[in-house]
Amino acid sequence: MSDAINTGGGAVINGVRGIVFDMDDTLYLERDYVRSGFQAVAASLSEQCGLSRNEAFEFLWGLFELGVRGDTFNRLLIAYPQLAGTCSPPELIDIYRAHVPSISLAPEIFQLLDELRESGLKLGLISDGPLASQRAKYQALKLESYFDPALLTDEWGREFWKPHPRAFKSVMEAWDMLPHELVYIADNPIKDFLAPKRLGWHTVRLRLTPQQSFVQAPASSDHAPDREVSSITELIATCREFCAPPAAAHT
């Protein structure tokens, strides 16, 4: 990342003027948040119920590694009947969502965001998920200085999570930009790309092996991103391509 992006006074390939990112499994690996949340739950169980912290965490993480989603805490309480009456799945979910996450961006992502910001491009964020969790992640990742707007769709309610187009339309209105001037970078072909594609945005899928959506395939061509990259290095190169001045694109 030694060469800074030069936008040549705003003249860019494809007329791109703004890049919007997803957060979970795009700017950081969501499995790191899950690990952090399970550690918080295990610590609470150890303090409140006497269950070994390591044992509780290893049980929860083992289920995650096996692909269990959605009923992890129910399975925990079944496996450890001594916890009955001391806690419930909703209480454990609250601990999980309210904890202060131990997560961070890869150094390369910080450098990319710095480079894009210094280029004069607008940077935004659109992310789904329970609001308390998303706010905690956003703060833990130290993203406040990079994105404006940063739209956590649960502020409007779950019905406005992607693929609802409201957040994408809000970005266009906030920046007063046309669809072809915007790029959305995300990971999940089930929900992430349908709305921006229909609006006319450029779309890029970052597909990394540790992502939870890695094996997911687009349900249709409408859900498929315009481009797919399989490493942070490729993502950096793609962003530079979007943002390079026309003369540089032919050299």
C-alpha atoms as a PDB file:
ATOM      1  CA  MET A   1       0.000   0.000   0.000  1.00  0.00           C
ATOM      2  CA  SER A   2       2.910   2.359  -0.655  1.00  0.00           C
ATOM      3  CA  ASP A   3       1.336   4.242  -3.575  1.00  0.00           C
ATOM      4  CA  ALA A   4      -1.455   6.563  -2.529  1.00  0.00           C
ATOM      5  CA  ILE A   5      -4.567   6.758  -4.675  1.00  0.00           C
ATOM      6  CA  ASN A   6      -4.572   9.859  -6.835  1.00  0.00           C
ATOM      7  CA  THR A   7      -8.010  10.830  -8.046  1.00  0.00           C
ATOM      8  CA  GLY A   8      -6.698  13.477 -10.429  1.00  0.00           C
ATOM      9  CA  GLY A   9      -9.051  16.177  -9.213  1.00  0.00           C
ATOM     10  CA  GLY A  10     -12.039  13.868  -9.068  1.00  0.00           C
ATOM     11  CA  ALA A  11     -11.801  12.209 -12.508  1.00  0.00           C
ATOM     12  CA  VAL A  12     -12.090   8.473 -11.813  1.00  0.00           C
ATOM     13  CA  ILE A  13     -12.711   5.233 -13.663  1.00  0.00           C
ATOM     14  CA  ASN A  14     -16.445   4.602 -13.990  1.00  0.00           C
ATOM     15  CA  GLY A  15     -17.078   7.946 -12.307  1.00  0.00           C
ATOM     16  CA  VAL A  16     -16.898   6.326  -8.850  1.00  0.00           C
ATOM     17  CA  ARG A  17     -17.083   8.944  -6.113  1.00  0.00           C
ATOM     18  CA  GLY A  18     -18.160   6.920  -3.088  1.00  0.00           C
ATOM     19  CA  ILE A  19     -17.522   3.462  -1.644  1.00  0.00           C
ATOM     20  CA  VAL A  20     -19.808   1.870   0.938  1.00  0.00           C
ATOM     21  CA  PHE A  21     -18.777  -1.138   3.018  1.00  0.00           C
ATOM     22  CA  ASP A  22     -20.612  -3.865   4.858  1.00  0.00           C
ATOM     23  CA  MET A  23     -19.188  -4.480   8.347  1.00  0.00           C
ATOM     24  CA  ASP A  24     -19.583  -8.115   9.484  1.00  0.00           C
ATOM     25  CA  ASP A  25     -17.294 -10.530   7.629  1.00  0.00           C
ATOM     26  CA  THR A  26     -16.151  -7.709   5.356  1.00  0.00           C
ATOM     27  CA  LEU A  27     -14.189  -5.251   7.480  1.00  0.00           C
ATOM     28  CA  TYR A  28     -13.401  -7.938  10.063  1.00  0.00           C
ATOM     29  CA  LEU A  29     -14.140 -11.653  10.523  1.00  0.00           C
ATOM     30  CA  GLU A  30     -17.439 -12.248  12.289  1.00  0.00           C
ATOM     31  CA  ARG A  31     -16.108 -15.449  13.858  1.00  0.00           C
ATOM     32  CA  ASP A  32     -13.885 -13.184  15.993  1.00  0.00           C
ATOM     33  CA  TYR A  33     -17.010 -11.492  17.352  1.00  0.00           C
ATOM     34  CA  VAL A  34     -18.645 -14.867  18.031  1.00  0.00           C
ATOM     35  CA  ARG A  35     -15.542 -16.018  19.916  1.00  0.00           C
ATOM     36  CA  SER A  36     -15.557 -12.800  21.947  1.00  0.00           C
ATOM     37  CA  GLY A  37     -19.257 -13.168  22.749  1.00  0.00           C
ATOM     38  CA  PHE A  38     -18.913 -16.785  23.821  1.00  0.00           C
ATOM     39  CA  GLN A  39     -16.019 -15.823  26.081  1.00  0.00           C
ATOM     40  CA  ALA A  40     -18.242 -13.200  27.722  1.00  0.00           C
ATOM     41  CA  VAL A  41     -21.038 -15.716  28.242  1.00  0.00           C
ATOM     42  CA  ALA A  42     -18.609 -18.295  29.617  1.00  0.00           C
ATOM     43  CA  ALA A  43     -17.194 -15.748  32.064  1.00  0.00           C
ATOM     44  CA  SER A  44     -20.685 -14.875  33.264  1.00  0.00           C
ATOM     45  CA  LEU A  45     -21.614 -18.542  33.727  1.00  0.00           C
ATOM     46  CA  SER A  46     -18.443 -19.082  35.698  1.00  0.00           C
ATOM     47  CA  GLU A  47     -19.175 -16.146  38.000  1.00  0.00           C
ATOM     48  CA  GLN A  48     -22.896 -16.718  38.430  1.00  0.00           C
ATOM     49  CA  CYS A  49     -23.239 -20.497  38.224  1.00  0.00           C
ATOM     50  CA  GLY A  50     -19.822 -21.987  38.964  1.00  0.00           C
ATOM     51  CA  LEU A  51     -19.488 -23.677  35.580  1.00  0.00           C
ATOM     52  CA  SER A  52     -15.883 -23.817  34.423  1.00  0.00           C
ATOM     53  CA  ARG A  53     -15.192 -20.867  32.153  1.00  0.00           C
ATOM     54  CA  ASN A  54     -12.990 -22.908  29.836  1.00  0.00           C
ATOM     55  CA  GLU A  55     -15.471 -25.764  29.705  1.00  0.00           C
ATOM     56  CA  ALA A  56     -18.385 -23.479  28.868  1.00  0.00           C
ATOM     57  CA  PHE A  57     -16.423 -21.676  26.170  1.00  0.00           C
ATOM     58  CA  GLU A  58     -15.101 -24.879  24.592  1.00  0.00           C
ATOM     59  CA  PHE A  59     -18.637 -26.290  24.463  1.00  0.00           C
ATOM     60  CA  LEU A  60     -20.032 -23.170  22.773  1.00  0.00           C
ATOM     61  CA  TRP A  61     -17.125 -22.784  20.369  1.00  0.00           C
ATOM     62  CA  GLY A  62     -17.253 -26.462  19.496  1.00  0.00           C
ATOM     63  CA  LEU A  63     -20.879 -26.086  18.419  1.00  0.00           C
ATOM     64  CA  PHE A  64     -19.981 -23.067  16.313  1.00  0.00           C
ATOM     65  CA  GLU A  65     -17.179 -24.970  14.597  1.00  0.00           C
ATOM     66  CA  LEU A  66     -19.674 -27.741  13.811  1.00  0.00           C
ATOM     67  CA  GLY A  67     -21.917 -25.209  12.081  1.00  0.00           C
ATOM     68  CA  VAL A  68     -24.566 -24.893  14.781  1.00  0.00           C
ATOM     69  CA  ARG A  69     -26.399 -21.576  14.579  1.00  0.00           C
ATOM     70  CA  GLY A  70     -29.488 -20.200  16.288  1.00  0.00           C
ATOM     71  CA  ASP A  71     -29.990 -22.583  19.226  1.00  0.00           C
ATOM     72  CA  THR A  72     -26.475 -22.716  20.704  1.00  0.00           C
ATOM     73  CA  PHE A  73     -27.496 -21.538  24.168  1.00  0.00           C
ATOM     74  CA  ASN A  74     -30.463 -23.909  24.292  1.00  0.00           C
ATOM     75  CA  ARG A  75     -28.044 -26.773  23.640  1.00  0.00           C
ATOM     76  CA  LEU A  76     -25.748 -25.516  26.377  1.00  0.00           C
ATOM     77  CA  LEU A  77     -28.531 -25.587  28.961  1.00  0.00           C
ATOM     78  CA  ILE A  78     -29.568 -29.064  27.876  1.00  0.00           C
ATOM     79  CA  ALA A  79     -25.974 -30.314  28.142  1.00  0.00           C
ATOM     80  CA  TYR A  80     -25.578 -28.775  31.612  1.00  0.00           C
ATOM     81  CA  PRO A  81     -28.874 -29.353  33.472  1.00  0.00           C
ATOM     82  CA  GLN A  82     -27.331 -27.913  36.643  1.00  0.00           C
ATOM     83  CA  LEU A  83     -27.809 -24.486  35.015  1.00  0.00           C
ATOM     84  CA  ALA A  84     -31.592 -24.898  34.973  1.00  0.00           C
ATOM     85  CA  GLY A  85     -33.284 -22.124  36.884  1.00  0.00           C
ATOM     86  CA  THR A  86     -30.154 -19.994  37.020  1.00  0.00           C
ATOM     87  CA  CYS A  87     -30.223 -18.616  33.488  1.00  0.00           C
ATOM     88  CA  SER A  88     -32.228 -18.816  30.284  1.00  0.00           C
ATOM     89  CA  PRO A  89     -31.370 -18.589  26.565  1.00  0.00           C
ATOM     90  CA  PRO A  90     -32.733 -15.015  26.331  1.00  0.00           C
ATOM     91  CA  GLU A  91     -30.532 -13.969  29.262  1.00  0.00           C
ATOM     92  CA  LEU A  92     -27.467 -15.511  27.643  1.00  0.00           C
ATOM     93  CA  ILE A  93     -28.320 -13.822  24.348  1.00  0.00           C
ATOM     94  CA  ASP A  94     -28.493 -10.494  26.181  1.00  0.00           C
ATOM     95  CA  ILE A  95     -25.024 -11.072  27.653  1.00  0.00           C
ATOM     96  CA  TYR A  96     -23.703 -12.012  24.226  1.00  0.00           C
ATOM     97  CA  ARG A  97     -25.138  -8.931  22.515  1.00  0.00           C
ATOM     98  CA  ALA A  98     -24.272  -6.475  25.283  1.00  0.00           C
ATOM     99  CA  HIS A  99     -20.645  -7.478  25.762  1.00  0.00           C
ATOM    100  CA  VAL A 100     -17.757  -5.221  24.746  1.00  0.00           C
ATOM    101  CA  PRO A 101     -16.289  -7.065  21.748  1.00  0.00           C
ATOM    102  CA  SER A 102     -12.640  -8.005  21.508  1.00  0.00           C
ATOM    103  CA  ILE A 103     -12.324  -7.516  17.731  1.00  0.00           C
ATOM    104  CA  SER A 104     -10.139  -5.457  15.433  1.00  0.00           C
ATOM    105  CA  LEU A 105      -9.514  -4.644  11.791  1.00  0.00           C
ATOM    106  CA  ALA A 106      -6.592  -6.184   9.979  1.00  0.00           C
ATOM    107  CA  PRO A 107      -3.820  -3.587   9.496  1.00  0.00           C
ATOM    108  CA  GLU A 108      -4.336  -3.819   5.736  1.00  0.00           C
ATOM    109  CA  ILE A 109      -7.971  -2.767   6.107  1.00  0.00           C
ATOM    110  CA  PHE A 110      -7.012   0.269   8.188  1.00  0.00           C
ATOM    111  CA  GLN A 111      -4.475   1.216   5.517  1.00  0.00           C
ATOM    112  CA  LEU A 112      -7.043   0.786   2.759  1.00  0.00           C
ATOM    113  CA  LEU A 113      -9.574   2.987   4.549  1.00  0.00           C
ATOM    114  CA  ASP A 114      -6.912   5.630   5.191  1.00  0.00           C
ATOM    115  CA  GLU A 115      -5.895   5.568   1.555  1.00  0.00           C
ATOM    116  CA  LEU A 116      -9.447   5.821   0.260  1.00  0.00           C
ATOM    117  CA  ARG A 117     -10.250   8.644   2.658  1.00  0.00           C
ATOM    118  CA  GLU A 118      -7.126  10.561   1.672  1.00  0.00           C
ATOM    119  CA  SER A 119      -8.092  10.191  -1.980  1.00  0.00           C
ATOM    120  CA  GLY A 120     -11.141  12.362  -1.403  1.00  0.00           C
ATOM    121  CA  LEU A 121     -13.673   9.565  -1.902  1.00  0.00           C
ATOM    122  CA  LYS A 122     -16.743   9.442   0.301  1.00  0.00           C
ATOM    123  CA  LEU A 123     -16.851   6.394   2.570  1.00  0.00           C
ATOM    124  CA  GLY A 124     -20.018   4.923   4.048  1.00  0.00           C
ATOM    125  CA  LEU A 125     -21.174   1.845   5.891  1.00  0.00           C
ATOM    126  CA  ILE A 126     -24.382  -0.211   5.767  1.00  0.00           C
ATOM    127  CA  SER A 127     -24.713  -3.057   8.261  1.00  0.00           C
ATOM    128  CA  ASP A 128     -27.495  -5.316   9.539  1.00  0.00           C
ATOM    129  CA  GLY A 129     -27.840  -6.960  12.918  1.00  0.00           C
ATOM    130  CA  PRO A 130     -29.232  -6.291  16.405  1.00  0.00           C
ATOM    131  CA  LEU A 131     -28.610  -2.626  17.113  1.00  0.00           C
ATOM    132  CA  ALA A 132     -26.790  -2.958  20.453  1.00  0.00           C
ATOM    133  CA  SER A 133     -24.380  -5.498  18.977  1.00  0.00           C
ATOM    134  CA  GLN A 134     -23.724  -3.465  15.852  1.00  0.00           C
ATOM    135  CA  ARG A 135     -23.039  -0.297  17.818  1.00  0.00           C
ATOM    136  CA  ALA A 136     -20.637  -2.177  20.089  1.00  0.00           C
ATOM    137  CA  LYS A 137     -18.799  -3.651  17.093  1.00  0.00           C
ATOM    138  CA  TYR A 138     -18.577  -0.275  15.361  1.00  0.00           C
ATOM    139  CA  GLN A 139     -17.061   1.323  18.445  1.00  0.00           C
ATOM    140  CA  ALA A 140     -14.686  -1.592  19.120  1.00  0.00           C
ATOM    141  CA  LEU A 141     -13.398  -1.421  15.551  1.00  0.00           C
ATOM    142  CA  LYS A 142     -12.734   2.332  15.922  1.00  0.00           C
ATOM    143  CA  LEU A 143     -14.584   3.208  12.721  1.00  0.00           C
ATOM    144  CA  GLU A 144     -16.140   6.508  13.782  1.00  0.00           C
ATOM    145  CA  SER A 145     -13.683   8.672  11.861  1.00  0.00           C
ATOM    146  CA  TYR A 146     -14.028   6.797   8.580  1.00  0.00           C
ATOM    147  CA  PHE A 147     -17.700   6.568   7.657  1.00  0.00           C
ATOM    148  CA  ASP A 148     -20.375   9.180   7.122  1.00  0.00           C
ATOM    149  CA  PRO A 149     -23.033   7.977   6.995  1.00  0.00           C
ATOM    150  CA  ALA A 150     -22.703   4.774   8.985  1.00  0.00           C
ATOM    151  CA  LEU A 151     -26.147   3.201   8.700  1.00  0.00           C
ATOM    152  CA  LEU A 152     -27.040   0.434  11.137  1.00  0.00           C
ATOM    153  CA  THR A 153     -30.292  -0.701   9.590  1.00  0.00           C
ATOM    154  CA  ASP A 154     -31.785  -2.020  12.825  1.00  0.00           C
ATOM    155  CA  GLU A 155     -32.254   1.608  13.881  1.00  0.00           C
ATOM    156  CA  TRP A 156     -35.247   1.542  11.504  1.00  0.00           C
ATOM    157  CA  GLY A 157     -36.330  -1.989  12.442  1.00  0.00           C
ATOM    158  CA  ARG A 158     -35.574  -5.474  11.184  1.00  0.00           C
ATOM    159  CA  GLU A 159     -37.860  -5.031   8.187  1.00  0.00           C
ATOM    160  CA  PHE A 160     -35.304  -2.559   6.819  1.00  0.00           C
ATOM    161  CA  TRP A 161     -32.370  -4.980   6.950  1.00  0.00           C
ATOM    162  CA  LYS A 162     -30.858  -5.835   3.584  1.00  0.00           C
ATOM    163  CA  PRO A 163     -32.044  -6.534   0.934  1.00  0.00           C
ATOM    164  CA  HIS A 164     -34.384  -3.624   1.685  1.00  0.00           C
ATOM    165  CA  PRO A 165     -33.166  -0.645  -0.392  1.00  0.00           C
ATOM    166  CA  ARG A 166     -33.775   2.093   2.192  1.00  0.00           C
ATOM    167  CA  ALA A 167     -30.164   2.342   3.390  1.00  0.00           C
ATOM    168  CA  PHE A 168     -28.777   2.500  -0.148  1.00  0.00           C
ATOM    169  CA  LYS A 169     -31.233   5.199  -1.142  1.00  0.00           C
ATOM    170  CA  SER A 170     -30.314   7.103   2.022  1.00  0.00           C
ATOM    171  CA  VAL A 171     -26.647   7.107   1.021  1.00  0.00           C
ATOM    172  CA  MET A 172     -27.466   8.454  -2.447  1.00  0.00           C
ATOM    173  CA  GLU A 173     -29.558  11.211  -0.908  1.00  0.00           C
ATOM    174  CA  ALA A 174     -26.960  12.082   1.738  1.00  0.00           C
ATOM    175  CA  TRP A 175     -24.156  12.297  -0.827  1.00  0.00           C
ATOM    176  CA  ASP A 176     -26.267  13.597  -3.722  1.00  0.00           C
ATOM    177  CA  MET A 177     -24.750  10.962  -6.014  1.00  0.00           C
ATOM    178  CA  LEU A 178     -26.043   8.859  -8.881  1.00  0.00           C
ATOM    179  CA  PRO A 179     -26.042   5.045  -8.649  1.00  0.00           C
ATOM    180  CA  HIS A 180     -23.169   4.561 -11.116  1.00  0.00           C
ATOM    181  CA  GLU A 181     -20.962   6.720  -8.883  1.00  0.00           C
ATOM    182  CA  LEU A 182     -21.255   4.258  -5.980  1.00  0.00           C
ATOM    183  CA  VAL A 183     -19.738   0.901  -5.009  1.00  0.00           C
ATOM    184  CA  TYR A 184     -20.931  -1.530  -2.339  1.00  0.00           C
ATOM    185  CA  ILE A 185     -18.388  -4.007  -0.936  1.00  0.00           C
ATOM    186  CA  ALA A 186     -19.791  -6.897   1.112  1.00  0.00           C
ATOM    187  CA  ASP A 187     -19.656 -10.660   1.628  1.00  0.00           C
ATOM    188  CA  ASN A 188     -23.122 -12.244   1.546  1.00  0.00           C
ATOM    189  CA  PRO A 189     -24.713 -12.984  -1.860  1.00  0.00           C
ATOM    190  CA  ILE A 190     -27.990 -13.955  -0.226  1.00  0.00           C
ATOM    191  CA  LYS A 191     -28.839 -10.424   0.905  1.00  0.00           C
ATOM    192  CA  ASP A 192     -26.077  -7.901   0.232  1.00  0.00           C
ATOM    193  CA  PHE A 193     -26.105  -7.202  -3.487  1.00  0.00           C
ATOM    194  CA  LEU A 194     -29.736  -7.377  -4.612  1.00  0.00           C
ATOM    195  CA  ALA A 195     -30.764  -3.840  -3.617  1.00  0.00           C
ATOM    196  CA  PRO A 196     -27.657  -1.950  -4.762  1.00  0.00           C
ATOM    197  CA  LYS A 197     -27.594  -3.833  -8.079  1.00  0.00           C
ATOM    198  CA  ARG A 198     -31.228  -3.005  -8.771  1.00  0.00           C
ATOM    199  CA  LEU A 199     -30.450   0.631  -8.018  1.00  0.00           C
ATOM    200  CA  GLY A 200     -27.511   0.608 -10.435  1.00  0.00           C
ATOM    201  CA  TRP A 201     -24.541   0.538  -8.042  1.00  0.00           C
ATOM    202  CA  HIS A 202     -21.300  -1.324  -8.683  1.00  0.00           C
ATOM    203  CA  THR A 203     -20.983  -4.348  -6.359  1.00  0.00           C
ATOM    204  CA  VAL A 204     -17.964  -6.304  -5.136  1.00  0.00           C
ATOM    205  CA  ARG A 205     -17.979  -9.485  -3.075  1.00  0.00           C
ATOM    206  CA  LEU A 206     -15.075 -10.111  -0.720  1.00  0.00           C
ATOM    207  CA  ARG A 207     -15.007 -13.903  -0.403  1.00  0.00           C
ATOM    208  CA  LEU A 208     -12.656 -15.316   2.228  1.00  0.00           C
ATOM    209  CA  THR A 209     -12.572 -18.905   3.499  1.00  0.00           C
ATOM    210  CA  PRO A 210     -13.236 -18.035   7.192  1.00  0.00           C
ATOM    211  CA  GLN A 211     -16.418 -16.070   6.387  1.00  0.00           C
ATOM    212  CA  GLN A 212     -19.729 -17.572   7.439  1.00  0.00           C
ATOM    213  CA  SER A 213     -21.151 -16.901   3.965  1.00  0.00           C
ATOM    214  CA  PHE A 214     -18.159 -18.357   2.096  1.00  0.00           C
ATOM    215  CA  VAL A 215     -20.068 -21.352   0.694  1.00  0.00           C
ATOM    216  CA  GLN A 216     -23.185 -19.350  -0.191  1.00  0.00           C
ATOM    217  CA  ALA A 217     -23.975 -18.926  -3.863  1.00  0.00           C
ATOM    218  CA  PRO A 218     -26.186 -16.201  -5.337  1.00  0.00           C
ATOM    219  CA  ALA A 219     -29.785 -17.317  -5.734  1.00  0.00           C
ATOM    220  CA  SER A 220     -29.987 -15.613  -9.110  1.00  0.00           C
ATOM    221  CA  SER A 221     -28.106 -13.211 -11.351  1.00  0.00           C
ATOM    222  CA  ASP A 222     -29.863 -10.365  -9.529  1.00  0.00           C
ATOM    223  CA  HIS A 223     -28.111 -11.437  -6.327  1.00  0.00           C
ATOM    224  CA  ALA A 224     -24.687 -11.915  -7.918  1.00  0.00           C
ATOM    225  CA  PRO A 225     -22.038  -9.213  -7.419  1.00  0.00           C
ATOM    226  CA  ASP A 226     -20.415  -7.587 -10.428  1.00  0.00           C
ATOM    227  CA  ARG A 227     -17.023  -8.745  -9.193  1.00  0.00           C
ATOM    228  CA  GLU A 228     -15.634 -11.206  -6.659  1.00  0.00           C
ATOM    229  CA  VAL A 229     -12.251 -11.000  -4.931  1.00  0.00           C
ATOM    230  CA  SER A 230     -10.695 -13.679  -2.739  1.00  0.00           C
ATOM    231  CA  SER A 231      -8.128 -11.763  -0.703  1.00  0.00           C
ATOM    232  CA  ILE A 232      -7.536  -8.394   0.920  1.00  0.00           C
ATOM    233  CA  THR A 233      -4.779  -7.831  -1.638  1.00  0.00           C
ATOM    234  CA  GLU A 234      -7.304  -8.251  -4.470  1.00  0.00           C
ATOM    235  CA  LEU A 235      -9.728  -5.959  -2.672  1.00  0.00           C
ATOM    236  CA  ILE A 236      -7.073  -3.249  -2.404  1.00  0.00           C
ATOM    237  CA  ALA A 237      -6.273  -3.614  -6.113  1.00  0.00           C
ATOM    238  CA  THR A 238      -9.970  -3.412  -7.002  1.00  0.00           C
ATOM    239  CA  CYS A 239     -10.471  -0.255  -4.970  1.00  0.00           C
ATOM    240  CA  ARG A 240      -7.453   1.308  -6.624  1.00  0.00           C
ATOM    241  CA  GLU A 241      -8.863   0.390 -10.024  1.00  0.00           C
ATOM    242  CA  PHE A 242     -12.145   2.073  -9.226  1.00  0.00           C
ATOM    243  CA  CYS A 243     -10.331   5.133  -7.985  1.00  0.00           C
ATOM    244  CA  ALA A 244      -7.417   5.523 -10.379  1.00  0.00           C
ATOM    245  CA  PRO A 245      -7.458   8.518 -12.726  1.00  0.00           C
ATOM    246  CA  PRO A 246      -8.196   7.606 -16.373  1.00  0.00           C
ATOM    247  CA  ALA A 247      -4.623   8.253 -17.533  1.00  0.00           C
ATOM    248  CA  ALA A 248      -3.262   5.839 -14.922  1.00  0.00           C
ATOM    249  CA  ALA A 249      -5.684   3.135 -16.023  1.00  0.00           C
ATOM    250  CA  HIS A 250      -3.964   2.855 -19.417  1.00  0.00           C
ATOM    251  CA  THR A 251      -0.347   2.895 -18.248  1.00  0.00           C
END
